[in-house]
């Protein structure tokens, strides 16, 4: 999925599970900006550290 598709599917403020190896699991995060395409992949800003993550590391929290 690229950034355009991600932005159409999920609005800013959408909740996701982000895998977090330091906690040996995942944590709930929310997007705080739109996703953008870069050479390394699509990146979105989230409300917790590391603040910028690839969209493929997020799983929707439904």
Protein backbone atom coordinates (compact mmCIF):
# COMPACT_ATOMS: atom_id res chain seq x y z
CA UNK A 1 0.00 0.00 0.00
CA UNK A 2 1.31 3.45 -0.79
CA UNK A 3 0.67 6.72 1.06
CA UNK A 4 -2.22 7.83 -1.17
CA UNK A 5 -4.11 4.59 -0.57
CA UNK A 6 -3.36 4.72 3.18
CA UNK A 7 -4.64 8.32 3.43
CA UNK A 8 -7.86 7.42 1.58
CA UNK A 9 -8.49 4.42 3.82
CA UNK A 10 -7.50 5.93 7.21
CA UNK A 11 -8.11 9.45 8.49
CA UNK A 12 -5.69 11.39 10.72
CA UNK A 13 -6.31 10.25 14.28
CA UNK A 14 -6.96 6.61 13.35
CA UNK A 15 -5.91 4.06 15.98
CA UNK A 16 -3.43 1.28 15.23
CA UNK A 17 -1.41 -1.40 16.97
CA UNK A 18 2.32 -0.82 16.46
CA UNK A 19 4.68 -3.70 17.15
CA UNK A 20 7.21 -2.68 19.77
CA UNK A 21 10.03 -5.20 20.38
CA UNK A 22 11.26 -3.49 23.57
CA UNK A 23 7.92 -4.29 25.20
CA UNK A 24 7.76 -7.73 23.59
CA UNK A 25 4.42 -6.97 22.03
CA UNK A 26 2.55 -4.04 20.61
CA UNK A 27 1.07 -0.78 21.77
CA UNK A 28 -1.83 1.40 20.71
CA UNK A 29 -0.89 4.51 18.73
CA UNK A 30 -2.76 7.16 16.75
CA UNK A 31 -1.72 8.94 13.59
CA UNK A 32 -1.14 12.68 13.89
CA UNK A 33 -0.46 13.47 10.25
CA UNK A 34 -0.94 12.15 6.76
CA UNK A 35 1.27 9.45 5.29
CA UNK A 36 3.90 10.42 2.72
CA UNK A 37 5.86 8.39 0.19
CA UNK A 38 9.66 8.27 0.43
CA UNK A 39 12.30 6.17 -1.33
CA UNK A 40 12.33 3.74 1.62
CA UNK A 41 8.50 3.40 1.69
CA UNK A 42 5.41 5.17 2.99
CA UNK A 43 5.91 6.88 6.37
CA UNK A 44 3.32 8.28 8.80
CA UNK A 45 3.70 10.31 12.01
CA UNK A 46 2.30 8.75 15.21
CA UNK A 47 1.72 10.12 18.71
CA UNK A 48 4.36 8.00 20.51
CA UNK A 49 8.08 7.40 20.09
CA UNK A 50 9.59 6.67 17.47
CA UNK A 51 7.07 9.24 16.03
CA UNK A 52 7.66 8.29 12.37
CA UNK A 53 7.03 4.70 11.23
CA UNK A 54 6.48 2.79 8.01
CA UNK A 55 2.80 2.17 7.39
CA UNK A 56 3.38 -1.57 6.98
CA UNK A 57 4.32 -1.80 10.69
CA UNK A 58 0.82 -0.67 11.72
CA UNK A 59 -2.23 -2.90 12.13
CA UNK A 60 -5.69 -1.30 12.37
CA UNK A 61 -7.28 -1.42 15.83
CA UNK A 62 -10.86 -2.29 15.06
